[in-house]
């Protein structure tokens, strides 16, 4: 999104937390990008810890949120707010709302929450499926606090930018007075080169494997769909790729499965794998990986949850199936029919060109900003 703001000539300041989990050295951030958006990061290890989780029980804050607050970032934010007059301050994700009090104190800017998900709903589903009684009890406490924080935040900000219309409707119920807008995630299409599909039977799941819905998706697919697919296409190969792979997936022993934890180049990975699977069962928001897949011209089989927020046509731009056998059959059909796979690939790329171009996506958001003063 920052690149989209820059492309539209916005005077932008990007202040971010550089976490241990997703750490990126400042010298690896392109210099032109840093100068164009006045980039600045502050390091913080936001990883959970046993002591942190335990001590949090004696507070009233959600540990999901409180671990993102630290004085160094607060100090830098305060410095920026007192040195500059901003028209808009956009919070990227709910957890940055821990700094809402300091923003309100030191700035008259309108405050936008760009909500990546409806966070408490994701945890609701996970808690319902949690088998460990103690963990279930602890997470229930934390999610009750998270929900309270999320609703409070939504009612304090001036506007909420959702990534899907589904989320927008939920937020409108949580905060009827806050203005809402849907803005999908855009991409710079010039960075996404499409490569002609090779004749092979390789499919892939590419996602962050430290996010619970992604783990649930892989487990569901392996248990319910993969056996039928391998029986129909014995030489098929499934590549499961992504960082922070859980041990039970990393240790899989199957001649038809390849585990790839260290993907050095997303571009090369997408270009060398043909059929993308998105078997998500839960979660909200928009899956950036499916947007990337369409931009690279990948044929995609997804659940409706996995493709939520993408207004493409089922059967033309991708294939959507929620029932186990139908999902499996769709995968088998595409592995065995290269012409249909290529047709989906070309249509996916065309849809991306028409709907995901970063500059165009952000322009819609910029048109929404003046409504905050109405």
Protein backbone atom coordinates (compact mmCIF):
# COMPACT_ATOMS: atom_id res chain seq x y z
CA UNK A 1 0.00 0.00 0.00
CA UNK A 2 2.89 2.38 0.72
CA UNK A 3 4.00 2.06 -2.91
CA UNK A 4 0.46 2.90 -3.99
CA UNK A 5 0.50 6.08 -1.90
CA UNK A 6 3.86 7.05 -3.40
CA UNK A 7 2.58 6.40 -6.94
CA UNK A 8 -0.31 8.78 -6.22
CA UNK A 9 2.03 11.54 -5.05
CA UNK A 10 1.13 11.35 -1.35
CA UNK A 11 3.51 12.96 1.14
CA UNK A 12 4.00 9.85 3.27
CA UNK A 13 5.74 8.99 6.53
CA UNK A 14 6.03 5.26 7.26
CA UNK A 15 6.82 4.45 10.89
CA UNK A 16 6.78 0.76 11.66
CA UNK A 17 7.70 -1.85 14.25
CA UNK A 18 10.46 -4.11 12.96
CA UNK A 19 9.63 -7.30 14.84
CA UNK A 20 11.92 -10.23 15.56
CA UNK A 21 9.45 -12.52 13.83
CA UNK A 22 9.48 -10.57 10.54
CA UNK A 23 12.76 -8.72 10.96
CA UNK A 24 14.16 -6.90 7.94
CA UNK A 25 17.43 -4.95 8.29
CA UNK A 26 17.07 -1.32 7.24
CA UNK A 27 19.92 -1.71 4.76
CA UNK A 28 17.83 -4.28 2.87
CA UNK A 29 15.01 -1.81 2.33
CA UNK A 30 15.48 -0.13 -1.10
CA UNK A 31 16.92 3.36 -0.67
CA UNK A 32 14.47 4.99 -3.09
CA UNK A 33 11.55 3.50 -1.16
CA UNK A 34 12.97 4.74 2.15
CA UNK A 35 13.39 8.27 0.85
CA UNK A 36 10.01 8.38 -0.91
CA UNK A 37 8.07 7.45 2.22
CA UNK A 38 10.40 8.75 4.95
CA UNK A 39 10.75 5.16 6.15
CA UNK A 40 11.70 4.55 9.77
CA UNK A 41 11.56 1.36 11.82
CA UNK A 42 11.95 0.64 15.52
CA UNK A 43 12.97 -2.86 16.58
CA UNK A 44 10.90 -4.82 19.08
CA UNK A 45 10.69 -8.51 19.88
CA UNK A 46 6.93 -9.01 20.07
CA UNK A 47 7.12 -12.80 20.36
CA UNK A 48 5.04 -14.40 23.08
CA UNK A 49 6.71 -15.82 26.17
CA UNK A 50 5.55 -17.95 29.08
CA UNK A 51 6.39 -15.23 31.60
CA UNK A 52 4.69 -12.55 29.52
CA UNK A 53 1.57 -14.66 29.07
CA UNK A 54 1.44 -15.51 32.77
CA UNK A 55 2.05 -11.99 34.10
CA UNK A 56 -0.59 -10.62 31.73
CA UNK A 57 -3.27 -12.48 33.70
CA UNK A 58 -2.81 -9.90 36.45
CA UNK A 59 -3.70 -7.03 34.10
CA UNK A 60 -6.89 -6.13 32.25
CA UNK A 61 -5.26 -5.89 28.82
CA UNK A 62 -5.21 -8.58 26.16
CA UNK A 63 -1.78 -10.12 25.77
CA UNK A 64 -2.52 -10.34 22.04
CA UNK A 65 -2.40 -6.53 22.01
CA UNK A 66 -0.21 -5.38 24.90
CA UNK A 67 2.94 -7.07 23.59
CA UNK A 68 2.98 -4.55 20.72
CA UNK A 69 3.36 -1.56 23.05
CA UNK A 70 6.83 -0.39 24.02
CA UNK A 71 8.20 3.01 25.13
CA UNK A 72 10.75 3.40 22.31
CA UNK A 73 8.07 3.37 19.62
CA UNK A 74 5.79 5.59 21.70
CA UNK A 75 8.64 8.10 22.02
CA UNK A 76 9.37 8.13 18.29
CA UNK A 77 5.68 8.43 17.42
CA UNK A 78 5.30 11.34 19.82
CA UNK A 79 8.31 13.04 18.22
CA UNK A 80 6.84 12.67 14.73
CA UNK A 81 3.41 13.90 15.75
CA UNK A 82 4.75 17.02 17.47
CA UNK A 83 7.14 17.83 14.60
CA UNK A 84 4.66 17.43 11.74
CA UNK A 85 1.05 18.25 10.96
CA UNK A 86 -0.57 15.15 9.50
CA UNK A 87 -4.00 15.06 7.90
CA UNK A 88 -4.37 11.28 8.22
CA UNK A 89 -2.80 8.73 10.56
CA UNK A 90 -3.48 5.21 9.35
CA UNK A 91 -3.06 2.30 11.75
CA UNK A 92 -1.99 -0.85 9.91
CA UNK A 93 -3.83 -3.52 11.85
CA UNK A 94 -5.67 -3.55 15.16
CA UNK A 95 -2.57 -4.07 17.28
CA UNK A 96 -1.16 -0.66 16.37
CA UNK A 97 -4.21 0.85 18.07
CA UNK A 98 -2.38 0.56 21.40
CA UNK A 99 -0.89 3.90 20.31
CA UNK A 100 -4.26 5.56 19.70
CA UNK A 101 -4.15 7.56 22.98
CA UNK A 102 -0.81 9.18 22.10
CA UNK A 103 -2.02 9.95 18.57
CA UNK A 104 -5.14 11.66 19.89
CA UNK A 105 -3.09 13.59 22.44
CA UNK A 106 -0.47 14.95 20.05
CA UNK A 107 -2.26 15.20 16.70
CA UNK A 108 -5.49 16.57 15.25
CA UNK A 109 -5.28 14.19 12.30
CA UNK A 110 -8.13 11.90 11.35
CA UNK A 111 -7.32 8.36 12.43
CA UNK A 112 -8.00 5.39 10.19
CA UNK A 113 -7.89 1.74 11.23
CA UNK A 114 -6.93 -0.47 8.31
CA UNK A 115 -8.31 -3.72 9.63
CA UNK A 116 -6.59 -6.77 8.19
CA UNK A 117 -9.12 -9.11 9.85
CA UNK A 118 -11.87 -9.14 12.43
CA UNK A 119 -9.35 -10.39 14.96
CA UNK A 120 -11.57 -11.72 17.73
CA UNK A 121 -13.57 -13.86 15.28
CA UNK A 122 -10.42 -15.70 14.19
CA UNK A 123 -9.65 -16.55 17.80
CA UNK A 124 -13.26 -17.56 18.45
CA UNK A 125 -12.97 -20.35 15.92
CA UNK A 126 -9.60 -21.49 17.21
CA UNK A 127 -10.82 -21.58 20.81
CA UNK A 128 -13.84 -23.67 19.86
CA UNK A 129 -11.52 -26.28 18.34
CA UNK A 130 -8.90 -26.19 21.12
CA UNK A 131 -8.66 -29.52 22.95
CA UNK A 132 -6.32 -28.47 25.77
CA UNK A 133 -8.57 -27.32 28.64
CA UNK A 134 -6.03 -24.98 30.26
CA UNK A 135 -5.06 -23.42 26.95
CA UNK A 136 -8.72 -23.04 26.02
CA UNK A 137 -9.39 -21.29 29.34
CA UNK A 138 -6.44 -18.92 28.93
CA UNK A 139 -7.23 -18.07 25.31
CA UNK A 140 -10.87 -17.43 26.20
CA UNK A 141 -9.79 -14.82 28.75
CA UNK A 142 -7.47 -13.18 26.24
CA UNK A 143 -10.01 -13.16 23.44
CA UNK A 144 -12.69 -11.65 25.65
CA UNK A 145 -10.28 -8.79 26.32
CA UNK A 146 -9.33 -8.63 22.64
CA UNK A 147 -12.96 -8.31 21.57
CA UNK A 148 -13.51 -5.50 24.06
CA UNK A 149 -10.40 -3.71 22.75
CA UNK A 150 -11.40 -4.23 19.11
CA UNK A 151 -14.91 -2.86 19.62
CA UNK A 152 -13.59 0.07 21.64
CA UNK A 153 -11.00 0.90 18.97
CA UNK A 154 -13.55 0.74 16.16
CA UNK A 155 -15.70 3.26 18.00
CA UNK A 156 -12.80 5.64 18.65
CA UNK A 157 -11.29 5.91 15.17
CA UNK A 158 -12.71 8.18 12.48
CA UNK A 159 -12.85 5.51 9.82
CA UNK A 160 -12.35 1.79 9.27
CA UNK A 161 -10.82 0.49 6.05
CA UNK A 162 -11.66 -3.18 5.62
CA UNK A 163 -10.13 -5.55 3.11
CA UNK A 164 -13.42 -7.29 2.28
CA UNK A 165 -17.08 -6.28 2.22
CA UNK A 166 -17.80 -9.13 4.64
CA UNK A 167 -15.51 -7.56 7.24
CA UNK A 168 -16.88 -4.10 6.48
CA UNK A 169 -20.40 -5.27 7.32
CA UNK A 170 -19.21 -6.75 10.62
CA UNK A 171 -17.39 -3.55 11.58
CA UNK A 172 -20.45 -1.46 10.72
CA UNK A 173 -22.34 -3.45 13.36
CA UNK A 174 -19.55 -3.09 15.93
CA UNK A 175 -19.16 0.64 15.31
CA UNK A 176 -22.21 2.14 13.53
CA UNK A 177 -20.90 5.71 13.74
CA UNK A 178 -17.45 5.06 12.23
CA UNK A 179 -17.24 5.56 8.47
CA UNK A 180 -16.33 2.41 6.56
CA UNK A 181 -14.66 1.63 3.26
CA UNK A 182 -13.47 -1.53 1.51
CA UNK A 183 -10.00 -1.43 -0.03
CA UNK A 184 -8.41 -4.66 -1.23
CA UNK A 185 -4.67 -5.24 -1.22
CA UNK A 186 -2.99 -4.07 -4.42
CA UNK A 187 0.23 -5.17 -6.10
CA UNK A 188 2.76 -3.67 -8.51
CA UNK A 189 2.03 -5.86 -11.51
CA UNK A 190 5.31 -5.03 -13.22
CA UNK A 191 7.01 -7.04 -10.46
CA UNK A 192 4.85 -10.10 -11.20
CA UNK A 193 6.02 -11.77 -14.38
CA UNK A 194 3.86 -14.59 -15.70
CA UNK A 195 5.59 -17.74 -16.93
CA UNK A 196 4.05 -20.37 -19.18
CA UNK A 197 3.01 -23.44 -17.21
CA UNK A 198 5.19 -26.50 -17.59
CA UNK A 199 3.65 -29.88 -18.24
CA UNK A 200 3.79 -31.43 -14.77
CA UNK A 201 1.54 -32.53 -11.93
CA UNK A 202 2.92 -30.22 -9.27
CA UNK A 203 0.57 -28.33 -6.96
CA UNK A 204 1.42 -26.08 -4.03
CA UNK A 205 0.21 -24.45 -0.83
CA UNK A 206 2.21 -21.30 -0.03
CA UNK A 207 1.43 -19.47 3.20
CA UNK A 208 2.74 -18.29 6.56
CA UNK A 209 2.68 -21.45 8.63
CA UNK A 210 2.59 -19.65 11.97
CA UNK A 211 -1.02 -18.54 11.41
CA UNK A 212 -3.57 -20.96 12.83
CA UNK A 213 -6.05 -20.93 9.91
CA UNK A 214 -3.22 -21.84 7.51
CA UNK A 215 -2.20 -24.83 9.64
CA UNK A 216 -5.82 -25.91 9.87
CA UNK A 217 -6.12 -25.62 6.08
CA UNK A 218 -3.11 -27.84 5.39
CA UNK A 219 -4.24 -30.44 7.93
CA UNK A 220 -7.72 -30.55 6.39
CA UNK A 221 -6.39 -30.92 2.86
CA UNK A 222 -3.90 -33.66 3.76
CA UNK A 223 -6.48 -35.67 5.67
CA UNK A 224 -9.53 -35.24 3.46
CA UNK A 225 -8.39 -34.47 -0.10
CA UNK A 226 -4.83 -35.59 -0.71
CA UNK A 227 -5.43 -39.37 -0.55
CA UNK A 228 -8.07 -39.19 -3.29
CA UNK A 229 -5.86 -36.98 -5.45
CA UNK A 230 -2.81 -39.24 -5.20
CA UNK A 231 -4.94 -42.25 -6.05
CA UNK A 232 -6.19 -40.56 -9.23
CA UNK A 233 -2.86 -38.93 -10.13
CA UNK A 234 -0.13 -41.18 -8.64
CA UNK A 235 2.75 -39.04 -9.90
CA UNK A 236 1.37 -35.78 -8.49
CA UNK A 237 3.53 -33.72 -6.16
CA UNK A 238 2.41 -31.36 -3.42
CA UNK A 239 4.77 -28.62 -2.27
CA UNK A 240 3.93 -27.08 1.11
CA UNK A 241 5.90 -23.86 1.47
CA UNK A 242 6.12 -21.16 4.11
CA UNK A 243 8.05 -19.95 7.10
CA UNK A 244 7.70 -21.31 10.66
CA UNK A 245 6.49 -24.73 9.57
CA UNK A 246 4.90 -26.71 12.46
CA UNK A 247 6.83 -29.84 13.38
CA UNK A 248 3.98 -32.23 12.51
CA UNK A 249 3.99 -30.92 8.93
CA UNK A 250 7.76 -30.55 8.66
CA UNK A 251 8.22 -34.20 9.62
CA UNK A 252 5.79 -35.61 7.06
CA UNK A 253 7.17 -38.64 5.25
CA UNK A 254 5.43 -39.02 1.91
CA UNK A 255 6.99 -39.46 -1.52
CA UNK A 256 4.34 -37.15 -3.01
CA UNK A 257 5.00 -34.29 -0.58
CA UNK A 258 7.83 -31.77 -0.48
CA UNK A 259 8.28 -29.35 2.42
CA UNK A 260 9.94 -26.02 1.62
CA UNK A 261 10.46 -23.75 4.62
CA UNK A 262 12.99 -21.35 3.14
CA UNK A 263 11.57 -19.73 0.02
CA UNK A 264 14.33 -17.33 -1.00
CA UNK A 265 12.44 -15.89 -3.97
CA UNK A 266 8.65 -15.77 -4.07
CA UNK A 267 8.83 -14.87 -7.75
CA UNK A 268 10.85 -17.95 -8.68
CA UNK A 269 8.66 -20.14 -6.51
CA UNK A 270 5.42 -19.02 -8.14
CA UNK A 271 6.87 -19.26 -11.63
CA UNK A 272 8.05 -22.84 -11.12
CA UNK A 273 4.86 -24.24 -9.61
CA UNK A 274 1.64 -24.41 -11.55
CA UNK A 275 -1.49 -25.26 -9.53
CA UNK A 276 -2.16 -23.20 -6.39
CA UNK A 277 -4.33 -24.54 -3.57
CA UNK A 278 -6.00 -22.33 -0.94
CA UNK A 279 -7.99 -24.73 1.31
CA UNK A 280 -8.78 -22.22 4.08
CA UNK A 281 -11.68 -23.01 6.39
CA UNK A 282 -11.57 -20.02 8.74
CA UNK A 283 -10.28 -16.51 9.16
CA UNK A 284 -11.39 -13.18 7.78
CA UNK A 285 -9.81 -10.55 5.61
CA UNK A 286 -8.15 -10.98 2.24
CA UNK A 287 -5.45 -13.53 1.54
CA UNK A 288 -2.54 -11.68 -0.07
CA UNK A 289 -1.15 -14.97 -1.38
CA UNK A 290 -4.20 -15.53 -3.60
CA UNK A 291 -3.76 -12.04 -5.05
CA UNK A 292 -0.10 -12.80 -5.71
CA UNK A 293 -1.08 -16.11 -7.29
CA UNK A 294 -3.51 -14.42 -9.67
CA UNK A 295 -0.93 -11.75 -10.49
CA UNK A 296 1.54 -14.49 -11.45
CA UNK A 297 -1.16 -16.15 -13.54
CA UNK A 298 -1.59 -19.27 -11.44
CA UNK A 299 -4.53 -21.62 -11.79
CA UNK A 300 -6.14 -21.66 -8.34
CA UNK A 301 -8.47 -24.02 -6.48
CA UNK A 302 -9.75 -22.42 -3.28
CA UNK A 303 -12.49 -22.61 -0.69
CA UNK A 304 -14.89 -19.68 -0.56
CA UNK A 305 -13.20 -18.55 2.67
CA UNK A 306 -9.82 -18.57 0.95
CA UNK A 307 -11.09 -16.30 -1.83
CA UNK A 308 -13.20 -14.03 0.36
CA UNK A 309 -13.21 -10.45 -0.86
CA UNK A 310 -12.12 -11.26 -4.42
CA UNK A 311 -14.97 -10.52 -6.81
CA UNK A 312 -13.86 -12.93 -9.51
CA UNK A 313 -16.02 -15.46 -11.33
CA UNK A 314 -15.96 -19.06 -10.14
CA UNK A 315 -14.96 -21.35 -12.99
CA UNK A 316 -13.46 -18.51 -15.02
CA UNK A 317 -10.81 -16.82 -12.89
CA UNK A 318 -10.41 -19.58 -10.29
CA UNK A 319 -12.28 -22.62 -8.99
CA UNK A 320 -14.12 -22.43 -5.66
CA UNK A 321 -15.20 -25.58 -3.84
CA UNK A 322 -16.03 -26.04 -0.15
CA UNK A 323 -17.04 -29.71 -0.14
CA UNK A 324 -14.20 -32.21 0.26
CA UNK A 325 -14.91 -34.42 -2.74
CA UNK A 326 -15.59 -31.49 -5.05
CA UNK A 327 -12.38 -29.77 -3.98
CA UNK A 328 -10.43 -32.97 -4.68
CA UNK A 329 -12.16 -33.51 -8.03
CA UNK A 330 -11.36 -29.95 -9.14
CA UNK A 331 -7.67 -30.48 -8.38
CA UNK A 332 -7.62 -33.82 -10.20
CA UNK A 333 -9.36 -32.34 -13.24
CA UNK A 334 -6.86 -29.50 -13.59
CA UNK A 335 -3.85 -31.76 -13.07
CA UNK A 336 -5.12 -33.93 -15.91
CA UNK A 337 -6.29 -31.13 -18.24
CA UNK A 338 -3.51 -28.69 -19.12
CA UNK A 339 -5.71 -26.73 -21.55
CA UNK A 340 -8.22 -25.88 -18.80
CA UNK A 341 -5.41 -25.11 -16.37
CA UNK A 342 -3.83 -22.68 -18.85
CA UNK A 343 -7.19 -21.03 -19.49
CA UNK A 344 -7.64 -20.39 -15.76
CA UNK A 345 -4.09 -19.06 -15.57
CA UNK A 346 -4.61 -16.49 -18.32
CA UNK A 347 -7.96 -15.39 -16.91
CA UNK A 348 -6.48 -15.01 -13.42
CA UNK A 349 -3.71 -12.74 -14.71
CA UNK A 350 -6.18 -10.64 -16.70
CA UNK A 351 -8.39 -10.25 -13.61
CA UNK A 352 -5.36 -9.14 -11.59
CA UNK A 353 -4.45 -6.54 -14.21
CA UNK A 354 -7.97 -5.13 -14.13
CA UNK A 355 -8.48 -5.14 -10.35
CA UNK A 356 -5.25 -5.30 -8.33
CA UNK A 357 -3.03 -2.56 -9.78
CA UNK A 358 -1.64 -0.78 -6.71
CA UNK A 359 -1.98 2.80 -7.89
CA UNK A 360 -5.62 2.30 -8.88
CA UNK A 361 -6.48 0.51 -5.62
CA UNK A 362 -4.98 3.25 -3.44
CA UNK A 363 -6.66 5.97 -5.50
CA UNK A 364 -9.99 4.60 -4.34
CA UNK A 365 -8.85 4.90 -0.73
CA UNK A 366 -7.68 8.48 -1.28
CA UNK A 367 -11.13 9.31 -2.62
CA UNK A 368 -12.60 8.00 0.63
CA UNK A 369 -10.46 10.15 2.95
CA UNK A 370 -12.37 13.44 2.34
CA UNK A 371 -15.56 11.73 3.54
CA UNK A 372 -14.07 11.74 7.05
CA UNK A 373 -14.64 15.49 7.20
CA UNK A 374 -18.25 15.28 6.02
